[in-house]
Amino acid sequence: MVSNQLSYCSTGSHTIAESLIKPCMKDAVTSMITEEHAKLIKCVPLSDKTISRLVKDMSNFCENELIRRLKISEHGFTIQIDETTLSILDYRFCSLL
């Protein structure tokens, strides 16, 4: 029954947890353990807003951590640009940096 749900999935990446993964886990727990334990799966928050927020939080953390490490770096950093991979517009953008 889980494989049938997988084959009919047509949702986006942020809604797949609520619409596909959660029901599949509920079915798996029901078939392997009990219905009582499967009811606990319903308590797990997997809405698209929750997942989007977590992705955004991770992105912000990574950006802030990179900025923090660059600020405390003793050696600084450099960016090497290969002219064959950039267009004229890209050069104009890079000059603003």
PDB file of N, CA and C in Angstrom:
ATOM      1  N   MET A   1       0.812  -1.187   0.000  1.00  0.00           N
ATOM      2  CA  MET A   1       0.000   0.000   0.000  1.00  0.00           C
ATOM      3  C   MET A   1       0.857   1.253   0.000  1.00  0.00           C
ATOM      4  N   VAL A   2       2.037   1.221   0.629  1.00  0.00           N
ATOM      5  CA  VAL A   2       2.923   2.379   0.627  1.00  0.00           C
ATOM      6  C   VAL A   2       3.443   2.640  -0.774  1.00  0.00           C
ATOM      7  N   SER A   3       3.777   1.582  -1.509  1.00  0.00           N
ATOM      8  CA  SER A   3       4.277   1.771  -2.870  1.00  0.00           C
ATOM      9  C   SER A   3       3.217   2.370  -3.779  1.00  0.00           C
ATOM     10  N   ASN A   4       1.953   2.057  -3.547  1.00  0.00           N
ATOM     11  CA  ASN A   4       0.874   2.673  -4.331  1.00  0.00           C
ATOM     12  C   ASN A   4       0.810   4.171  -4.076  1.00  0.00           C
ATOM     13  N   GLN A   5       0.976   4.582  -2.833  1.00  0.00           N
ATOM     14  CA  GLN A   5       0.962   6.011  -2.521  1.00  0.00           C
ATOM     15  C   GLN A   5       2.149   6.714  -3.171  1.00  0.00           C
ATOM     16  N   LEU A   6       3.300   6.063  -3.176  1.00  0.00           N
ATOM     17  CA  LEU A   6       4.472   6.657  -3.809  1.00  0.00           C
ATOM     18  C   LEU A   6       4.268   6.849  -5.303  1.00  0.00           C
ATOM     19  N   SER A   7       3.632   5.891  -5.949  1.00  0.00           N
ATOM     20  CA  SER A   7       3.450   5.980  -7.396  1.00  0.00           C
ATOM     21  C   SER A   7       2.457   7.054  -7.797  1.00  0.00           C
ATOM     22  N   TYR A   8       1.553   7.443  -6.903  1.00  0.00           N
ATOM     23  CA  TYR A   8       0.552   8.460  -7.231  1.00  0.00           C
ATOM     24  C   TYR A   8       0.934   9.858  -6.743  1.00  0.00           C
ATOM     25  N   CYS A   9       2.137  10.016  -6.257  1.00  0.00           N
ATOM     26  CA  CYS A   9       2.552  11.311  -5.715  1.00  0.00           C
ATOM     27  C   CYS A   9       2.758  12.330  -6.826  1.00  0.00           C
ATOM     28  N   SER A  10       2.182  13.518  -6.648  1.00  0.00           N
ATOM     29  CA  SER A  10       2.388  14.589  -7.625  1.00  0.00           C
ATOM     30  C   SER A  10       2.462  15.937  -6.923  1.00  0.00           C
ATOM     31  N   THR A  11       3.060  15.977  -5.750  1.00  0.00           N
ATOM     32  CA  THR A  11       3.103  17.214  -4.974  1.00  0.00           C
ATOM     33  C   THR A  11       4.458  17.879  -5.087  1.00  0.00           C
ATOM     34  N   GLY A  12       4.549  19.122  -4.608  1.00  0.00           N
ATOM     35  CA  GLY A  12       5.798  19.864  -4.616  1.00  0.00           C
ATOM     36  C   GLY A  12       6.717  19.413  -3.502  1.00  0.00           C
ATOM     37  N   SER A  13       7.945  19.882  -3.541  1.00  0.00           N
ATOM     38  CA  SER A  13       8.952  19.418  -2.591  1.00  0.00           C
ATOM     39  C   SER A  13       8.637  19.797  -1.150  1.00  0.00           C
ATOM     40  N   HIS A  14       7.996  20.952  -0.929  1.00  0.00           N
ATOM     41  CA  HIS A  14       7.710  21.366   0.446  1.00  0.00           C
ATOM     42  C   HIS A  14       6.426  20.746   0.989  1.00  0.00           C
ATOM     43  N   THR A  15       5.555  20.273   0.141  1.00  0.00           N
ATOM     44  CA  THR A  15       4.306  19.681   0.614  1.00  0.00           C
ATOM     45  C   THR A  15       4.350  18.162   0.612  1.00  0.00           C
ATOM     46  N   ILE A  16       5.418  17.593   0.108  1.00  0.00           N
ATOM     47  CA  ILE A  16       5.506  16.136  -0.006  1.00  0.00           C
ATOM     48  C   ILE A  16       5.521  15.463   1.367  1.00  0.00           C
ATOM     49  N   ALA A  17       6.075  16.119   2.365  1.00  0.00           N
ATOM     50  CA  ALA A  17       6.135  15.509   3.697  1.00  0.00           C
ATOM     51  C   ALA A  17       4.744  15.293   4.268  1.00  0.00           C
ATOM     52  N   GLU A  18       3.891  16.293   4.137  1.00  0.00           N
ATOM     53  CA  GLU A  18       2.537  16.205   4.698  1.00  0.00           C
ATOM     54  C   GLU A  18       1.640  15.293   3.869  1.00  0.00           C
ATOM     55  N   SER A  19       1.776  15.354   2.558  1.00  0.00           N
ATOM     56  CA  SER A  19       0.840  14.625   1.702  1.00  0.00           C
ATOM     57  C   SER A  19       1.297  13.218   1.337  1.00  0.00           C
ATOM     58  N   LEU A  20       2.591  12.913   1.457  1.00  0.00           N
ATOM     59  CA  LEU A  20       3.069  11.591   1.058  1.00  0.00           C
ATOM     60  C   LEU A  20       3.811  10.868   2.178  1.00  0.00           C
ATOM     61  N   ILE A  21       4.823  11.500   2.726  1.00  0.00           N
ATOM     62  CA  ILE A  21       5.679  10.815   3.695  1.00  0.00           C
ATOM     63  C   ILE A  21       4.919  10.462   4.967  1.00  0.00           C
ATOM     64  N   LYS A  22       4.154  11.410   5.478  1.00  0.00           N
ATOM     65  CA  LYS A  22       3.409  11.168   6.718  1.00  0.00           C
ATOM     66  C   LYS A  22       2.397  10.026   6.570  1.00  0.00           C
ATOM     67  N   PRO A  23       1.560  10.006   5.520  1.00  0.00           N
ATOM     68  CA  PRO A  23       0.641   8.874   5.353  1.00  0.00           C
ATOM     69  C   PRO A  23       1.365   7.537   5.155  1.00  0.00           C
ATOM     70  N   CYS A  24       2.493   7.556   4.449  1.00  0.00           N
ATOM     71  CA  CYS A  24       3.256   6.319   4.257  1.00  0.00           C
ATOM     72  C   CYS A  24       3.819   5.807   5.575  1.00  0.00           C
ATOM     73  N   MET A  25       4.330   6.722   6.394  1.00  0.00           N
ATOM     74  CA  MET A  25       4.848   6.319   7.697  1.00  0.00           C
ATOM     75  C   MET A  25       3.729   5.785   8.588  1.00  0.00           C
ATOM     76  N   LYS A  26       2.563   6.414   8.513  1.00  0.00           N
ATOM     77  CA  LYS A  26       1.419   5.948   9.299  1.00  0.00           C
ATOM     78  C   LYS A  26       1.040   4.525   8.883  1.00  0.00           C
ATOM     79  N   ASP A  27       1.002   4.268   7.571  1.00  0.00           N
ATOM     80  CA  ASP A  27       0.685   2.925   7.079  1.00  0.00           C
ATOM     81  C   ASP A  27       1.749   1.911   7.492  1.00  0.00           C
ATOM     82  N   ALA A  28       3.018   2.315   7.432  1.00  0.00           N
ATOM     83  CA  ALA A  28       4.096   1.405   7.808  1.00  0.00           C
ATOM     84  C   ALA A  28       4.031   1.061   9.295  1.00  0.00           C
ATOM     85  N   VAL A  29       3.795   2.065  10.131  1.00  0.00           N
ATOM     86  CA  VAL A  29       3.696   1.820  11.576  1.00  0.00           C
ATOM     87  C   VAL A  29       2.470   0.971  11.889  1.00  0.00           C
ATOM     88  N   THR A  30       1.362   1.228  11.196  1.00  0.00           N
ATOM     89  CA  THR A  30       0.146   0.431  11.412  1.00  0.00           C
ATOM     90  C   THR A  30       0.392  -1.034  11.074  1.00  0.00           C
ATOM     91  N   SER A  31       1.061  -1.287   9.953  1.00  0.00           N
ATOM     92  CA  SER A  31       1.264  -2.680   9.541  1.00  0.00           C
ATOM     93  C   SER A  31       2.337  -3.387  10.363  1.00  0.00           C
ATOM     94  N   MET A  32       3.309  -2.648  10.884  1.00  0.00           N
ATOM     95  CA  MET A  32       4.389  -3.288  11.626  1.00  0.00           C
ATOM     96  C   MET A  32       4.161  -3.284  13.133  1.00  0.00           C
ATOM     97  N   ILE A  33       3.460  -2.281  13.661  1.00  0.00           N
ATOM     98  CA  ILE A  33       3.267  -2.205  15.110  1.00  0.00           C
ATOM     99  C   ILE A  33       1.767  -2.235  15.392  1.00  0.00           C
ATOM    100  N   THR A  34       1.173  -1.093  15.707  1.00  0.00           N
ATOM    101  CA  THR A  34      -0.269  -1.055  15.971  1.00  0.00           C
ATOM    102  C   THR A  34      -0.854   0.267  15.499  1.00  0.00           C
ATOM    103  N   GLU A  35      -2.171   0.300  15.409  1.00  0.00           N
ATOM    104  CA  GLU A  35      -2.878   1.525  15.036  1.00  0.00           C
ATOM    105  C   GLU A  35      -2.676   2.598  16.101  1.00  0.00           C
ATOM    106  N   GLU A  36      -2.577   2.172  17.342  1.00  0.00           N
ATOM    107  CA  GLU A  36      -2.377   3.124  18.439  1.00  0.00           C
ATOM    108  C   GLU A  36      -1.069   3.902  18.266  1.00  0.00           C
ATOM    109  N   HIS A  37      -0.016   3.203  17.876  1.00  0.00           N
ATOM    110  CA  HIS A  37       1.262   3.874  17.640  1.00  0.00           C
ATOM    111  C   HIS A  37       1.210   4.738  16.386  1.00  0.00           C
ATOM    112  N   ALA A  38       0.455   4.315  15.405  1.00  0.00           N
ATOM    113  CA  ALA A  38       0.334   5.082  14.165  1.00  0.00           C
ATOM    114  C   ALA A  38      -0.341   6.423  14.405  1.00  0.00           C
ATOM    115  N   LYS A  39      -1.203   6.495  15.402  1.00  0.00           N
ATOM    116  CA  LYS A  39      -1.865   7.765  15.713  1.00  0.00           C
ATOM    117  C   LYS A  39      -0.864   8.820  16.174  1.00  0.00           C
ATOM    118  N   LEU A  40       0.256   8.381  16.720  1.00  0.00           N
ATOM    119  CA  LEU A  40       1.286   9.321  17.165  1.00  0.00           C
ATOM    120  C   LEU A  40       1.935  10.046  15.986  1.00  0.00           C
ATOM    121  N   ILE A  41       1.918   9.420  14.819  1.00  0.00           N
ATOM    122  CA  ILE A  41       2.492  10.036  13.620  1.00  0.00           C
ATOM    123  C   ILE A  41       1.747  11.324  13.280  1.00  0.00           C
ATOM    124  N   LYS A  42       0.455  11.369  13.569  1.00  0.00           N
ATOM    125  CA  LYS A  42      -0.340  12.565  13.275  1.00  0.00           C
ATOM    126  C   LYS A  42       0.150  13.782  14.049  1.00  0.00           C
ATOM    127  N   CYS A  43       0.824  13.565  15.162  1.00  0.00           N
ATOM    128  CA  CYS A  43       1.294  14.678  16.005  1.00  0.00           C
ATOM    129  C   CYS A  43       2.544  15.359  15.459  1.00  0.00           C
ATOM    130  N   VAL A  44       3.201  14.749  14.499  1.00  0.00           N
ATOM    131  CA  VAL A  44       4.441  15.311  13.959  1.00  0.00           C
ATOM    132  C   VAL A  44       4.107  16.462  13.012  1.00  0.00           C
ATOM    133  N   PRO A  45       4.614  17.689  13.281  1.00  0.00           N
ATOM    134  CA  PRO A  45       4.303  18.830  12.414  1.00  0.00           C
ATOM    135  C   PRO A  45       5.146  18.812  11.144  1.00  0.00           C
ATOM    136  N   LEU A  46       4.517  18.597  10.011  1.00  0.00           N
ATOM    137  CA  LEU A  46       5.228  18.562   8.735  1.00  0.00           C
ATOM    138  C   LEU A  46       4.531  19.409   7.678  1.00  0.00           C
ATOM    139  N   SER A  47       3.921  20.487   8.056  1.00  0.00           N
ATOM    140  CA  SER A  47       3.227  21.307   7.068  1.00  0.00           C
ATOM    141  C   SER A  47       4.233  22.007   6.167  1.00  0.00           C
ATOM    142  N   ASP A  48       3.762  22.482   5.010  1.00  0.00           N
ATOM    143  CA  ASP A  48       4.655  23.162   4.076  1.00  0.00           C
ATOM    144  C   ASP A  48       5.253  24.419   4.698  1.00  0.00           C
ATOM    145  N   LYS A  49       4.499  25.085   5.578  1.00  0.00           N
ATOM    146  CA  LYS A  49       5.021  26.284   6.241  1.00  0.00           C
ATOM    147  C   LYS A  49       6.153  25.924   7.195  1.00  0.00           C
ATOM    148  N   THR A  50       6.002  24.818   7.900  1.00  0.00           N
ATOM    149  CA  THR A  50       7.040  24.382   8.831  1.00  0.00           C
ATOM    150  C   THR A  50       8.321  24.058   8.080  1.00  0.00           C
ATOM    151  N   ILE A  51       8.200  23.309   6.998  1.00  0.00           N
ATOM    152  CA  ILE A  51       9.378  22.920   6.221  1.00  0.00           C
ATOM    153  C   ILE A  51      10.014  24.139   5.573  1.00  0.00           C
ATOM    154  N   SER A  52       9.200  25.031   5.003  1.00  0.00           N
ATOM    155  CA  SER A  52       9.734  26.254   4.394  1.00  0.00           C
ATOM    156  C   SER A  52      10.474  27.095   5.425  1.00  0.00           C
ATOM    157  N   ARG A  53       9.916  27.193   6.617  1.00  0.00           N
ATOM    158  CA  ARG A  53      10.556  27.969   7.682  1.00  0.00           C
ATOM    159  C   ARG A  53      11.889  27.346   8.079  1.00  0.00           C
ATOM    160  N   LEU A  54      11.923  26.013   8.194  1.00  0.00           N
ATOM    161  CA  LEU A  54      13.164  25.341   8.566  1.00  0.00           C
ATOM    162  C   LEU A  54      14.233  25.513   7.494  1.00  0.00           C
ATOM    163  N   VAL A  55      13.848  25.429   6.226  1.00  0.00           N
ATOM    164  CA  VAL A  55      14.796  25.639   5.131  1.00  0.00           C
ATOM    165  C   VAL A  55      15.343  27.063   5.180  1.00  0.00           C
ATOM    166  N   LYS A  56      14.459  28.024   5.405  1.00  0.00           N
ATOM    167  CA  LYS A  56      14.879  29.429   5.499  1.00  0.00           C
ATOM    168  C   LYS A  56      15.801  29.639   6.699  1.00  0.00           C
ATOM    169  N   ASP A  57      15.474  29.033   7.832  1.00  0.00           N
ATOM    170  CA  ASP A  57      16.316  29.147   9.025  1.00  0.00           C
ATOM    171  C   ASP A  57      17.711  28.575   8.777  1.00  0.00           C
ATOM    172  N   MET A  58      17.774  27.411   8.118  1.00  0.00           N
ATOM    173  CA  MET A  58      19.074  26.810   7.817  1.00  0.00           C
ATOM    174  C   MET A  58      19.876  27.687   6.868  1.00  0.00           C
ATOM    175  N   SER A  59      19.204  28.255   5.878  1.00  0.00           N
ATOM    176  CA  SER A  59      19.870  29.142   4.930  1.00  0.00           C
ATOM    177  C   SER A  59      20.431  30.370   5.631  1.00  0.00           C
ATOM    178  N   ASN A  60      19.630  30.980   6.488  1.00  0.00           N
ATOM    179  CA  ASN A  60      20.094  32.153   7.239  1.00  0.00           C
ATOM    180  C   ASN A  60      21.259  31.810   8.155  1.00  0.00           C
ATOM    181  N   PHE A  61      21.197  30.651   8.794  1.00  0.00           N
ATOM    182  CA  PHE A  61      22.287  30.230   9.667  1.00  0.00           C
ATOM    183  C   PHE A  61      23.582  30.074   8.875  1.00  0.00           C
ATOM    184  N   CYS A  62      23.500  29.406   7.717  1.00  0.00           N
ATOM    185  CA  CYS A  62      24.695  29.197   6.889  1.00  0.00           C
ATOM    186  C   CYS A  62      25.286  30.525   6.428  1.00  0.00           C
ATOM    187  N   GLU A  63      24.428  31.436   5.995  1.00  0.00           N
ATOM    188  CA  GLU A  63      24.896  32.748   5.550  1.00  0.00           C
ATOM    189  C   GLU A  63      25.563  33.507   6.701  1.00  0.00           C
ATOM    190  N   ASN A  64      24.926  33.530   7.853  1.00  0.00           N
ATOM    191  CA  ASN A  64      25.488  34.231   9.009  1.00  0.00           C
ATOM    192  C   ASN A  64      26.796  33.608   9.479  1.00  0.00           C
ATOM    193  N   GLU A  65      26.870  32.291   9.446  1.00  0.00           N
ATOM    194  CA  GLU A  65      28.091  31.599   9.859  1.00  0.00           C
ATOM    195  C   GLU A  65      29.234  31.894   8.890  1.00  0.00           C
ATOM    196  N   LEU A  66      28.943  31.915   7.594  1.00  0.00           N
ATOM    197  CA  LEU A  66      29.965  32.245   6.604  1.00  0.00           C
ATOM    198  C   LEU A  66      30.480  33.666   6.813  1.00  0.00           C
ATOM    199  N   ILE A  67      29.578  34.605   7.005  1.00  0.00           N
ATOM    200  CA  ILE A  67      29.969  35.996   7.240  1.00  0.00           C
ATOM    201  C   ILE A  67      30.802  36.107   8.514  1.00  0.00           C
ATOM    202  N   ARG A  68      30.393  35.419   9.560  1.00  0.00           N
ATOM    203  CA  ARG A  68      31.136  35.454  10.822  1.00  0.00           C
ATOM    204  C   ARG A  68      32.554  34.916  10.640  1.00  0.00           C
ATOM    205  N   ARG A  69      32.671  33.786   9.947  1.00  0.00           N
ATOM    206  CA  ARG A  69      33.995  33.188   9.742  1.00  0.00           C
ATOM    207  C   ARG A  69      34.886  34.057   8.862  1.00  0.00           C
ATOM    208  N   LEU A  70      34.291  34.712   7.856  1.00  0.00           N
ATOM    209  CA  LEU A  70      35.083  35.594   7.001  1.00  0.00           C
ATOM    210  C   LEU A  70      35.573  36.813   7.772  1.00  0.00           C
ATOM    211  N   LYS A  71      34.757  37.312   8.679  1.00  0.00           N
ATOM    212  CA  LYS A  71      35.148  38.487   9.467  1.00  0.00           C
ATOM    213  C   LYS A  71      36.285  38.180  10.432  1.00  0.00           C
ATOM    214  N   ILE A  72      36.309  36.976  10.984  1.00  0.00           N
ATOM    215  CA  ILE A  72      37.357  36.648  11.956  1.00  0.00           C
ATOM    216  C   ILE A  72      38.577  35.991  11.310  1.00  0.00           C
ATOM    217  N   SER A  73      38.520  35.745  10.016  1.00  0.00           N
ATOM    218  CA  SER A  73      39.619  35.088   9.317  1.00  0.00           C
ATOM    219  C   SER A  73      40.859  35.976   9.304  1.00  0.00           C
ATOM    220  N   GLU A  74      42.008  35.399   9.634  1.00  0.00           N
ATOM    221  CA  GLU A  74      43.267  36.140   9.627  1.00  0.00           C
ATOM    222  C   GLU A  74      43.786  36.345   8.213  1.00  0.00           C
ATOM    223  N   HIS A  75      43.452  35.433   7.330  1.00  0.00           N
ATOM    224  CA  HIS A  75      44.028  35.444   5.989  1.00  0.00           C
ATOM    225  C   HIS A  75      43.129  36.097   4.953  1.00  0.00           C
ATOM    226  N   GLY A  76      41.916  36.426   5.308  1.00  0.00           N
ATOM    227  CA  GLY A  76      40.993  37.001   4.334  1.00  0.00           C
ATOM    228  C   GLY A  76      40.568  35.958   3.314  1.00  0.00           C
ATOM    229  N   PHE A  77      40.113  36.413   2.185  1.00  0.00           N
ATOM    230  CA  PHE A  77      39.724  35.482   1.140  1.00  0.00           C
ATOM    231  C   PHE A  77      39.861  36.165  -0.210  1.00  0.00           C
ATOM    232  N   THR A  78      39.946  35.361  -1.255  1.00  0.00           N
ATOM    233  CA  THR A  78      40.005  35.877  -2.620  1.00  0.00           C
ATOM    234  C   THR A  78      39.003  35.122  -3.468  1.00  0.00           C
ATOM    235  N   ILE A  79      38.599  35.763  -4.539  1.00  0.00           N
ATOM    236  CA  ILE A  79      37.709  35.119  -5.502  1.00  0.00           C
ATOM    237  C   ILE A  79      38.415  35.114  -6.844  1.00  0.00           C
ATOM    238  N   GLN A  80      38.611  33.936  -7.400  1.00  0.00           N
ATOM    239  CA  GLN A  80      39.233  33.829  -8.710  1.00  0.00           C
ATOM    240  C   GLN A  80      38.132  33.725  -9.754  1.00  0.00           C
ATOM    241  N   ILE A  81      38.192  34.598 -10.753  1.00  0.00           N
ATOM    242  CA  ILE A  81      37.172  34.623 -11.794  1.00  0.00           C
ATOM    243  C   ILE A  81      37.821  34.253 -13.117  1.00  0.00           C
ATOM    244  N   ASP A  82      37.265  33.281 -13.772  1.00  0.00           N
ATOM    245  CA  ASP A  82      37.741  32.857 -15.082  1.00  0.00           C
ATOM    246  C   ASP A  82      36.941  33.597 -16.140  1.00  0.00           C
ATOM    247  N   GLU A  83      37.618  34.372 -16.974  1.00  0.00           N
ATOM    248  CA  GLU A  83      36.907  35.212 -17.935  1.00  0.00           C
ATOM    249  C   GLU A  83      36.126  34.419 -18.982  1.00  0.00           C
ATOM    250  N   THR A  84      36.448  33.159 -19.182  1.00  0.00           N
ATOM    251  CA  THR A  84      35.713  32.384 -20.181  1.00  0.00           C
ATOM    252  C   THR A  84      34.329  31.969 -19.691  1.00  0.00           C
ATOM    253  N   THR A  85      34.100  32.025 -18.403  1.00  0.00           N
ATOM    254  CA  THR A  85      32.804  31.584 -17.872  1.00  0.00           C
ATOM    255  C   THR A  85      31.854  32.724 -17.559  1.00  0.00           C
ATOM    256  N   LEU A  86      32.327  33.955 -17.707  1.00  0.00           N
ATOM    257  CA  LEU A  86      31.490  35.094 -17.360  1.00  0.00           C
ATOM    258  C   LEU A  86      31.151  35.926 -18.593  1.00  0.00           C
ATOM    259  N   SER A  87      29.957  36.437 -18.615  1.00  0.00           N
ATOM    260  CA  SER A  87      29.564  37.349 -19.687  1.00  0.00           C
ATOM    261  C   SER A  87      29.904  38.778 -19.276  1.00  0.00           C
ATOM    262  N   ILE A  88      29.686  39.719 -20.154  1.00  0.00           N
ATOM    263  CA  ILE A  88      29.961  41.130 -19.867  1.00  0.00           C
ATOM    264  C   ILE A  88      29.128  41.610 -18.682  1.00  0.00           C
ATOM    265  N   LEU A  89      27.873  41.192 -18.618  1.00  0.00           N
ATOM    266  CA  LEU A  89      27.019  41.604 -17.500  1.00  0.00           C
ATOM    267  C   LEU A  89      27.540  41.066 -16.176  1.00  0.00           C
ATOM    268  N   ASP A  90      28.077  39.861 -16.202  1.00  0.00           N
ATOM    269  CA  ASP A  90      28.635  39.291 -14.978  1.00  0.00           C
ATOM    270  C   ASP A  90      29.834  40.095 -14.492  1.00  0.00           C
ATOM    271  N   TYR A  91      30.683  40.561 -15.438  1.00  0.00           N
ATOM    272  CA  TYR A  91      31.833  41.380 -15.059  1.00  0.00           C
ATOM    273  C   TYR A  91      31.390  42.680 -14.413  1.00  0.00           C
ATOM    274  N   ARG A  92      30.336  43.275 -14.951  1.00  0.00           N
ATOM    275  CA  ARG A  92      29.825  44.517 -14.374  1.00  0.00           C
ATOM    276  C   ARG A  92      29.341  44.280 -12.945  1.00  0.00           C
ATOM    277  N   PHE A  93      28.673  43.157 -12.733  1.00  0.00           N
ATOM    278  CA  PHE A  93      28.197  42.829 -11.390  1.00  0.00           C
ATOM    279  C   PHE A  93      29.367  42.609 -10.437  1.00  0.00           C
ATOM    280  N   CYS A  94      30.366  41.869 -10.899  1.00  0.00           N
ATOM    281  CA  CYS A  94      31.517  41.574 -10.043  1.00  0.00           C
ATOM    282  C   CYS A  94      32.282  42.839  -9.675  1.00  0.00           C
ATOM    283  N   SER A  95      32.302  43.818 -10.568  1.00  0.00           N
ATOM    284  CA  SER A  95      33.021  45.051 -10.259  1.00  0.00           C
ATOM    285  C   SER A  95      32.333  45.825  -9.140  1.00  0.00           C
ATOM    286  N   LEU A  96      31.034  45.576  -8.949  1.00  0.00           N
ATOM    287  CA  LEU A  96      30.313  46.228  -7.861  1.00  0.00           C
ATOM    288  C   LEU A  96      30.661  45.628  -6.510  1.00  0.00           C
ATOM    289  N   LEU A  97      31.115  44.379  -6.527  1.00  0.00           N
ATOM    290  CA  LEU A  97      31.471  43.720  -5.276  1.00  0.00           C
ATOM    291  C   LEU A  97      32.724  44.345  -4.725  1.00  0.00           C
TER     292      LEU A  97
END
